[in-house]
């Protein structure tokens, strides 16, 4: 499903694993960590590497993904 939803059809297994791990980390840490560098440190990658891997496959930037998750939580809190 991730490959279909994020245009990662041509991604290698390592790139796909990196994208999965990044999204999982966002879900767990979005309340405390708000920068790409924080997540890159958790993944033992550089922020540039993380950005390049995601950008190569047409997904939003890592910072945009973090902001989208924060906004989603804000909307949820406003509604409930």
PDB file of N, CA and C in Angstrom:
ATOM      1  N   UNK A   1       0.820  -1.197   0.000  1.00  0.00           N
ATOM      2  CA  UNK A   1       0.000   0.000   0.000  1.00  0.00           C
ATOM      3  C   UNK A   1       0.859   1.253   0.000  1.00  0.00           C
ATOM      4  N   UNK A   2       1.956   1.234   0.771  1.00  0.00           N
ATOM      5  CA  UNK A   2       2.826   2.402   0.822  1.00  0.00           C
ATOM      6  C   UNK A   2       3.385   2.716  -0.559  1.00  0.00           C
ATOM      7  N   UNK A   3       3.787   1.688  -1.269  1.00  0.00           N
ATOM      8  CA  UNK A   3       4.332   1.921  -2.611  1.00  0.00           C
ATOM      9  C   UNK A   3       3.304   2.567  -3.525  1.00  0.00           C
ATOM     10  N   UNK A   4       2.062   2.127  -3.458  1.00  0.00           N
ATOM     11  CA  UNK A   4       1.023   2.676  -4.314  1.00  0.00           C
ATOM     12  C   UNK A   4       0.646   4.095  -3.909  1.00  0.00           C
ATOM     13  N   UNK A   5       0.593   4.362  -2.624  1.00  0.00           N
ATOM     14  CA  UNK A   5       0.145   5.662  -2.141  1.00  0.00           C
ATOM     15  C   UNK A   5       1.195   6.745  -2.274  1.00  0.00           C
ATOM     16  N   UNK A   6       2.459   6.402  -2.306  1.00  0.00           N
ATOM     17  CA  UNK A   6       3.510   7.415  -2.280  1.00  0.00           C
ATOM     18  C   UNK A   6       4.429   7.379  -3.487  1.00  0.00           C
ATOM     19  N   UNK A   7       4.041   6.738  -4.549  1.00  0.00           N
ATOM     20  CA  UNK A   7       4.863   6.672  -5.759  1.00  0.00           C
ATOM     21  C   UNK A   7       6.219   6.030  -5.520  1.00  0.00           C
ATOM     22  N   UNK A   8       6.289   5.058  -4.646  1.00  0.00           N
ATOM     23  CA  UNK A   8       7.547   4.369  -4.383  1.00  0.00           C
ATOM     24  C   UNK A   8       7.632   3.049  -5.146  1.00  0.00           C
ATOM     25  N   UNK A   9       6.943   2.960  -6.260  1.00  0.00           N
ATOM     26  CA  UNK A   9       6.926   1.715  -7.029  1.00  0.00           C
ATOM     27  C   UNK A   9       8.329   1.334  -7.503  1.00  0.00           C
ATOM     28  N   UNK A  10       9.172   2.315  -7.802  1.00  0.00           N
ATOM     29  CA  UNK A  10      10.512   2.032  -8.306  1.00  0.00           C
ATOM     30  C   UNK A  10      11.560   2.020  -7.196  1.00  0.00           C
ATOM     31  N   UNK A  11      11.149   2.165  -5.963  1.00  0.00           N
ATOM     32  CA  UNK A  11      12.094   2.265  -4.848  1.00  0.00           C
ATOM     33  C   UNK A  11      12.727   0.915  -4.545  1.00  0.00           C
ATOM     34  N   UNK A  12      13.971   0.971  -4.126  1.00  0.00           N
ATOM     35  CA  UNK A  12      14.633  -0.250  -3.686  1.00  0.00           C
ATOM     36  C   UNK A  12      14.122  -0.613  -2.304  1.00  0.00           C
ATOM     37  N   UNK A  13      14.462  -1.804  -1.848  1.00  0.00           N
ATOM     38  CA  UNK A  13      13.998  -2.270  -0.543  1.00  0.00           C
ATOM     39  C   UNK A  13      14.549  -1.386   0.570  1.00  0.00           C
ATOM     40  N   UNK A  14      15.807  -0.975   0.470  1.00  0.00           N
ATOM     41  CA  UNK A  14      16.386  -0.137   1.521  1.00  0.00           C
ATOM     42  C   UNK A  14      15.731   1.238   1.561  1.00  0.00           C
ATOM     43  N   UNK A  15      15.423   1.796   0.402  1.00  0.00           N
ATOM     44  CA  UNK A  15      14.738   3.092   0.360  1.00  0.00           C
ATOM     45  C   UNK A  15      13.330   2.970   0.919  1.00  0.00           C
ATOM     46  N   UNK A  16      12.658   1.889   0.599  1.00  0.00           N
ATOM     47  CA  UNK A  16      11.310   1.658   1.107  1.00  0.00           C
ATOM     48  C   UNK A  16      11.331   1.475   2.621  1.00  0.00           C
ATOM     49  N   UNK A  17      12.322   0.739   3.131  1.00  0.00           N
ATOM     50  CA  UNK A  17      12.464   0.561   4.576  1.00  0.00           C
ATOM     51  C   UNK A  17      12.735   1.893   5.266  1.00  0.00           C
ATOM     52  N   UNK A  18      13.551   2.734   4.645  1.00  0.00           N
ATOM     53  CA  UNK A  18      13.849   4.042   5.211  1.00  0.00           C
ATOM     54  C   UNK A  18      12.576   4.893   5.287  1.00  0.00           C
ATOM     55  N   UNK A  19      11.772   4.861   4.236  1.00  0.00           N
ATOM     56  CA  UNK A  19      10.517   5.617   4.234  1.00  0.00           C
ATOM     57  C   UNK A  19       9.566   5.084   5.304  1.00  0.00           C
ATOM     58  N   UNK A  20       9.481   3.779   5.442  1.00  0.00           N
ATOM     59  CA  UNK A  20       8.623   3.185   6.477  1.00  0.00           C
ATOM     60  C   UNK A  20       9.083   3.572   7.871  1.00  0.00           C
ATOM     61  N   UNK A  21      10.375   3.450   8.107  1.00  0.00           N
ATOM     62  CA  UNK A  21      10.914   3.788   9.426  1.00  0.00           C
ATOM     63  C   UNK A  21      10.695   5.262   9.742  1.00  0.00           C
ATOM     64  N   UNK A  22      10.876   6.122   8.755  1.00  0.00           N
ATOM     65  CA  UNK A  22      10.672   7.550   8.954  1.00  0.00           C
ATOM     66  C   UNK A  22       9.218   7.839   9.325  1.00  0.00           C
ATOM     67  N   UNK A  23       8.285   7.257   8.593  1.00  0.00           N
ATOM     68  CA  UNK A  23       6.871   7.474   8.895  1.00  0.00           C
ATOM     69  C   UNK A  23       6.494   6.925  10.266  1.00  0.00           C
ATOM     70  N   UNK A  24       7.056   5.803  10.636  1.00  0.00           N
ATOM     71  CA  UNK A  24       6.793   5.228  11.953  1.00  0.00           C
ATOM     72  C   UNK A  24       7.339   6.129  13.060  1.00  0.00           C
ATOM     73  N   UNK A  25       8.542   6.662  12.850  1.00  0.00           N
ATOM     74  CA  UNK A  25       9.118   7.571  13.835  1.00  0.00           C
ATOM     75  C   UNK A  25       8.297   8.848  13.970  1.00  0.00           C
ATOM     76  N   UNK A  26       7.775   9.343  12.865  1.00  0.00           N
ATOM     77  CA  UNK A  26       6.913  10.530  12.937  1.00  0.00           C
ATOM     78  C   UNK A  26       5.706  10.237  13.814  1.00  0.00           C
ATOM     79  N   UNK A  27       5.083   9.086  13.616  1.00  0.00           N
ATOM     80  CA  UNK A  27       3.909   8.734  14.410  1.00  0.00           C
ATOM     81  C   UNK A  27       4.221   8.649  15.899  1.00  0.00           C
ATOM     82  N   UNK A  28       5.403   8.195  16.241  1.00  0.00           N
ATOM     83  CA  UNK A  28       5.760   8.021  17.646  1.00  0.00           C
ATOM     84  C   UNK A  28       6.279   9.282  18.312  1.00  0.00           C
ATOM     85  N   UNK A  29       6.918  10.181  17.531  1.00  0.00           N
ATOM     86  CA  UNK A  29       7.643  11.297  18.136  1.00  0.00           C
ATOM     87  C   UNK A  29       7.183  12.682  17.682  1.00  0.00           C
ATOM     88  N   UNK A  30       6.095  12.809  16.945  1.00  0.00           N
ATOM     89  CA  UNK A  30       5.751  14.114  16.380  1.00  0.00           C
ATOM     90  C   UNK A  30       5.452  15.167  17.434  1.00  0.00           C
ATOM     91  N   UNK A  31       5.097  14.759  18.633  1.00  0.00           N
ATOM     92  CA  UNK A  31       4.818  15.738  19.687  1.00  0.00           C
ATOM     93  C   UNK A  31       6.090  16.382  20.239  1.00  0.00           C
ATOM     94  N   UNK A  32       7.204  15.659  20.217  1.00  0.00           N
ATOM     95  CA  UNK A  32       8.446  16.175  20.785  1.00  0.00           C
ATOM     96  C   UNK A  32       9.446  16.634  19.727  1.00  0.00           C
ATOM     97  N   UNK A  33       9.519  15.951  18.620  1.00  0.00           N
ATOM     98  CA  UNK A  33      10.551  16.220  17.616  1.00  0.00           C
ATOM     99  C   UNK A  33       9.910  16.868  16.391  1.00  0.00           C
ATOM    100  N   UNK A  34      10.435  18.063  16.024  1.00  0.00           N
ATOM    101  CA  UNK A  34       9.820  18.823  14.946  1.00  0.00           C
ATOM    102  C   UNK A  34      10.772  19.152  13.803  1.00  0.00           C
ATOM    103  N   UNK A  35      11.973  18.610  13.820  1.00  0.00           N
ATOM    104  CA  UNK A  35      12.914  18.907  12.740  1.00  0.00           C
ATOM    105  C   UNK A  35      13.355  17.617  12.044  1.00  0.00           C
ATOM    106  N   UNK A  36      13.748  17.777  10.816  1.00  0.00           N
ATOM    107  CA  UNK A  36      14.217  16.638  10.026  1.00  0.00           C
ATOM    108  C   UNK A  36      15.501  16.073  10.650  1.00  0.00           C
ATOM    109  N   UNK A  37      16.338  16.936  11.195  1.00  0.00           N
ATOM    110  CA  UNK A  37      17.595  16.485  11.799  1.00  0.00           C
ATOM    111  C   UNK A  37      17.348  15.539  12.974  1.00  0.00           C
ATOM    112  N   UNK A  38      16.298  15.789  13.745  1.00  0.00           N
ATOM    113  CA  UNK A  38      15.965  14.899  14.865  1.00  0.00           C
ATOM    114  C   UNK A  38      15.687  13.485  14.369  1.00  0.00           C
ATOM    115  N   UNK A  39      14.895  13.380  13.313  1.00  0.00           N
ATOM    116  CA  UNK A  39      14.542  12.070  12.773  1.00  0.00           C
ATOM    117  C   UNK A  39      15.715  11.428  12.048  1.00  0.00           C
ATOM    118  N   UNK A  40      16.517  12.238  11.373  1.00  0.00           N
ATOM    119  CA  UNK A  40      17.702  11.705  10.697  1.00  0.00           C
ATOM    120  C   UNK A  40      18.660  11.093  11.713  1.00  0.00           C
ATOM    121  N   UNK A  41      18.797  11.731  12.866  1.00  0.00           N
ATOM    122  CA  UNK A  41      19.651  11.173  13.920  1.00  0.00           C
ATOM    123  C   UNK A  41      19.122   9.823  14.391  1.00  0.00           C
ATOM    124  N   UNK A  42      17.813   9.710  14.546  1.00  0.00           N
ATOM    125  CA  UNK A  42      17.223   8.443  14.979  1.00  0.00           C
ATOM    126  C   UNK A  42      17.434   7.340  13.947  1.00  0.00           C
ATOM    127  N   UNK A  43      17.497   7.728  12.676  1.00  0.00           N
ATOM    128  CA  UNK A  43      17.682   6.759  11.586  1.00  0.00           C
ATOM    129  C   UNK A  43      19.156   6.551  11.222  1.00  0.00           C
ATOM    130  N   UNK A  44      20.040   7.258  11.895  1.00  0.00           N
ATOM    131  CA  UNK A  44      21.477   7.207  11.598  1.00  0.00           C
ATOM    132  C   UNK A  44      21.766   7.577  10.148  1.00  0.00           C
ATOM    133  N   UNK A  45      21.091   8.587   9.681  1.00  0.00           N
ATOM    134  CA  UNK A  45      21.282   9.131   8.330  1.00  0.00           C
ATOM    135  C   UNK A  45      21.453  10.630   8.449  1.00  0.00           C
ATOM    136  N   UNK A  46      21.886  11.245   7.378  1.00  0.00           N
ATOM    137  CA  UNK A  46      21.952  12.707   7.366  1.00  0.00           C
ATOM    138  C   UNK A  46      20.595  13.241   6.905  1.00  0.00           C
ATOM    139  N   UNK A  47      20.251  14.458   7.295  1.00  0.00           N
ATOM    140  CA  UNK A  47      18.988  15.046   6.826  1.00  0.00           C
ATOM    141  C   UNK A  47      18.928  15.121   5.299  1.00  0.00           C
ATOM    142  N   UNK A  48      20.069  15.399   4.680  1.00  0.00           N
ATOM    143  CA  UNK A  48      20.117  15.491   3.222  1.00  0.00           C
ATOM    144  C   UNK A  48      19.806  14.140   2.569  1.00  0.00           C
ATOM    145  N   UNK A  49      20.334  13.069   3.120  1.00  0.00           N
ATOM    146  CA  UNK A  49      20.064  11.731   2.590  1.00  0.00           C
ATOM    147  C   UNK A  49      18.584  11.406   2.694  1.00  0.00           C
ATOM    148  N   UNK A  50      18.008  11.697   3.831  1.00  0.00           N
ATOM    149  CA  UNK A  50      16.589  11.448   4.038  1.00  0.00           C
ATOM    150  C   UNK A  50      15.752  12.241   3.044  1.00  0.00           C
ATOM    151  N   UNK A  51      16.082  13.499   2.866  1.00  0.00           N
ATOM    152  CA  UNK A  51      15.363  14.349   1.917  1.00  0.00           C
ATOM    153  C   UNK A  51      15.516  13.842   0.491  1.00  0.00           C
ATOM    154  N   UNK A  52      16.721  13.464   0.111  1.00  0.00           N
ATOM    155  CA  UNK A  52      16.971  12.995  -1.252  1.00  0.00           C
ATOM    156  C   UNK A  52      16.245  11.691  -1.557  1.00  0.00           C
ATOM    157  N   UNK A  53      16.227  10.768  -0.616  1.00  0.00           N
ATOM    158  CA  UNK A  53      15.558   9.484  -0.839  1.00  0.00           C
ATOM    159  C   UNK A  53      14.067   9.699  -1.054  1.00  0.00           C
ATOM    160  N   UNK A  54      13.452  10.539  -0.232  1.00  0.00           N
ATOM    161  CA  UNK A  54      12.019  10.778  -0.370  1.00  0.00           C
ATOM    162  C   UNK A  54      11.702  11.616  -1.609  1.00  0.00           C
ATOM    163  N   UNK A  55      12.549  12.596  -1.913  1.00  0.00           N
ATOM    164  CA  UNK A  55      12.309  13.456  -3.074  1.00  0.00           C
ATOM    165  C   UNK A  55      12.477  12.701  -4.390  1.00  0.00           C
ATOM    166  N   UNK A  56      13.337  11.704  -4.412  1.00  0.00           N
ATOM    167  CA  UNK A  56      13.579  10.945  -5.641  1.00  0.00           C
ATOM    168  C   UNK A  56      12.347  10.187  -6.107  1.00  0.00           C
ATOM    169  N   UNK A  57      11.400  10.007  -5.207  1.00  0.00           N
ATOM    170  CA  UNK A  57      10.228   9.223  -5.556  1.00  0.00           C
ATOM    171  C   UNK A  57       8.927  10.026  -5.494  1.00  0.00           C
ATOM    172  N   UNK A  58       9.060  11.335  -5.490  1.00  0.00           N
ATOM    173  CA  UNK A  58       7.884  12.188  -5.598  1.00  0.00           C
ATOM    174  C   UNK A  58       7.045  12.308  -4.340  1.00  0.00           C
ATOM    175  N   UNK A  59       7.584  11.938  -3.207  1.00  0.00           N
ATOM    176  CA  UNK A  59       6.833  12.100  -1.969  1.00  0.00           C
ATOM    177  C   UNK A  59       7.080  13.509  -1.430  1.00  0.00           C
ATOM    178  N   UNK A  60       6.231  13.974  -0.544  1.00  0.00           N
ATOM    179  CA  UNK A  60       6.496  15.286   0.064  1.00  0.00           C
ATOM    180  C   UNK A  60       7.805  15.265   0.840  1.00  0.00           C
ATOM    181  N   UNK A  61       8.334  16.442   1.088  1.00  0.00           N
ATOM    182  CA  UNK A  61       9.595  16.532   1.826  1.00  0.00           C
ATOM    183  C   UNK A  61       9.402  16.019   3.248  1.00  0.00           C
ATOM    184  N   UNK A  62      10.485  15.602   3.891  1.00  0.00           N
ATOM    185  CA  UNK A  62      10.370  15.130   5.273  1.00  0.00           C
ATOM    186  C   UNK A  62       9.762  16.183   6.201  1.00  0.00           C
ATOM    187  N   UNK A  63      10.152  17.435   6.027  1.00  0.00           N
ATOM    188  CA  UNK A  63       9.604  18.496   6.867  1.00  0.00           C
ATOM    189  C   UNK A  63       8.108  18.653   6.635  1.00  0.00           C
ATOM    190  N   UNK A  64       7.683  18.526   5.389  1.00  0.00           N
ATOM    191  CA  UNK A  64       6.254  18.620   5.081  1.00  0.00           C
ATOM    192  C   UNK A  64       5.488  17.455   5.716  1.00  0.00           C
ATOM    193  N   UNK A  65       6.066  16.270   5.715  1.00  0.00           N
ATOM    194  CA  UNK A  65       5.417  15.126   6.355  1.00  0.00           C
ATOM    195  C   UNK A  65       5.274  15.342   7.861  1.00  0.00           C
ATOM    196  N   UNK A  66       6.299  15.910   8.475  1.00  0.00           N
ATOM    197  CA  UNK A  66       6.240  16.202   9.916  1.00  0.00           C
ATOM    198  C   UNK A  66       5.155  17.239  10.188  1.00  0.00           C
ATOM    199  N   UNK A  67       5.148  18.300   9.402  1.00  0.00           N
ATOM    200  CA  UNK A  67       4.133  19.348   9.583  1.00  0.00           C
ATOM    201  C   UNK A  67       2.726  18.821   9.339  1.00  0.00           C
ATOM    202  N   UNK A  68       2.565  17.968   8.344  1.00  0.00           N
ATOM    203  CA  UNK A  68       1.242  17.395   8.069  1.00  0.00           C
ATOM    204  C   UNK A  68       0.742  16.584   9.259  1.00  0.00           C
ATOM    205  N   UNK A  69       1.630  15.836   9.893  1.00  0.00           N
ATOM    206  CA  UNK A  69       1.217  15.026  11.053  1.00  0.00           C
ATOM    207  C   UNK A  69       0.851  15.903  12.236  1.00  0.00           C
ATOM    208  N   UNK A  70       1.603  16.971  12.446  1.00  0.00           N
ATOM    209  CA  UNK A  70       1.297  17.905  13.529  1.00  0.00           C
ATOM    210  C   UNK A  70      -0.053  18.575  13.278  1.00  0.00           C
ATOM    211  N   UNK A  71      -0.310  18.978  12.032  1.00  0.00           N
ATOM    212  CA  UNK A  71      -1.591  19.615  11.701  1.00  0.00           C
ATOM    213  C   UNK A  71      -2.750  18.641  11.847  1.00  0.00           C
ATOM    214  N   UNK A  72      -2.535  17.393  11.486  1.00  0.00           N
ATOM    215  CA  UNK A  72      -3.572  16.386  11.646  1.00  0.00           C
ATOM    216  C   UNK A  72      -3.958  16.229  13.114  1.00  0.00           C
ATOM    217  N   UNK A  73      -2.965  16.205  13.974  1.00  0.00           N
ATOM    218  CA  UNK A  73      -3.233  16.099  15.412  1.00  0.00           C
ATOM    219  C   UNK A  73      -3.941  17.346  15.933  1.00  0.00           C
ATOM    220  N   UNK A  74      -3.544  18.527  15.441  1.00  0.00           N
ATOM    221  CA  UNK A  74      -4.199  19.762  15.859  1.00  0.00           C
ATOM    222  C   UNK A  74      -5.679  19.754  15.455  1.00  0.00           C
ATOM    223  N   UNK A  75      -5.952  19.302  14.243  1.00  0.00           N
ATOM    224  CA  UNK A  75      -7.361  19.199  13.798  1.00  0.00           C
ATOM    225  C   UNK A  75      -8.141  18.230  14.660  1.00  0.00           C
ATOM    226  N   UNK A  76      -7.517  17.112  14.986  1.00  0.00           N
ATOM    227  CA  UNK A  76      -8.180  16.119  15.827  1.00  0.00           C
ATOM    228  C   UNK A  76      -8.517  16.700  17.190  1.00  0.00           C
ATOM    229  N   UNK A  77      -7.569  17.420  17.764  1.00  0.00           N
ATOM    230  CA  UNK A  77      -7.795  18.022  19.074  1.00  0.00           C
ATOM    231  C   UNK A  77      -8.887  19.106  19.034  1.00  0.00           C
ATOM    232  N   UNK A  78      -8.935  19.857  17.950  1.00  0.00           N
ATOM    233  CA  UNK A  78      -9.984  20.874  17.829  1.00  0.00           C
ATOM    234  C   UNK A  78     -11.378  20.251  17.703  1.00  0.00           C
ATOM    235  N   UNK A  79     -11.445  19.165  16.982  1.00  0.00           N
ATOM    236  CA  UNK A  79     -12.735  18.492  16.781  1.00  0.00           C
ATOM    237  C   UNK A  79     -13.199  17.808  18.047  1.00  0.00           C
ATOM    238  N   UNK A  80     -12.288  17.142  18.743  1.00  0.00           N
ATOM    239  CA  UNK A  80     -12.684  16.377  19.923  1.00  0.00           C
ATOM    240  C   UNK A  80     -12.302  17.077  21.190  1.00  0.00           C
TER     241      UNK A  80
END
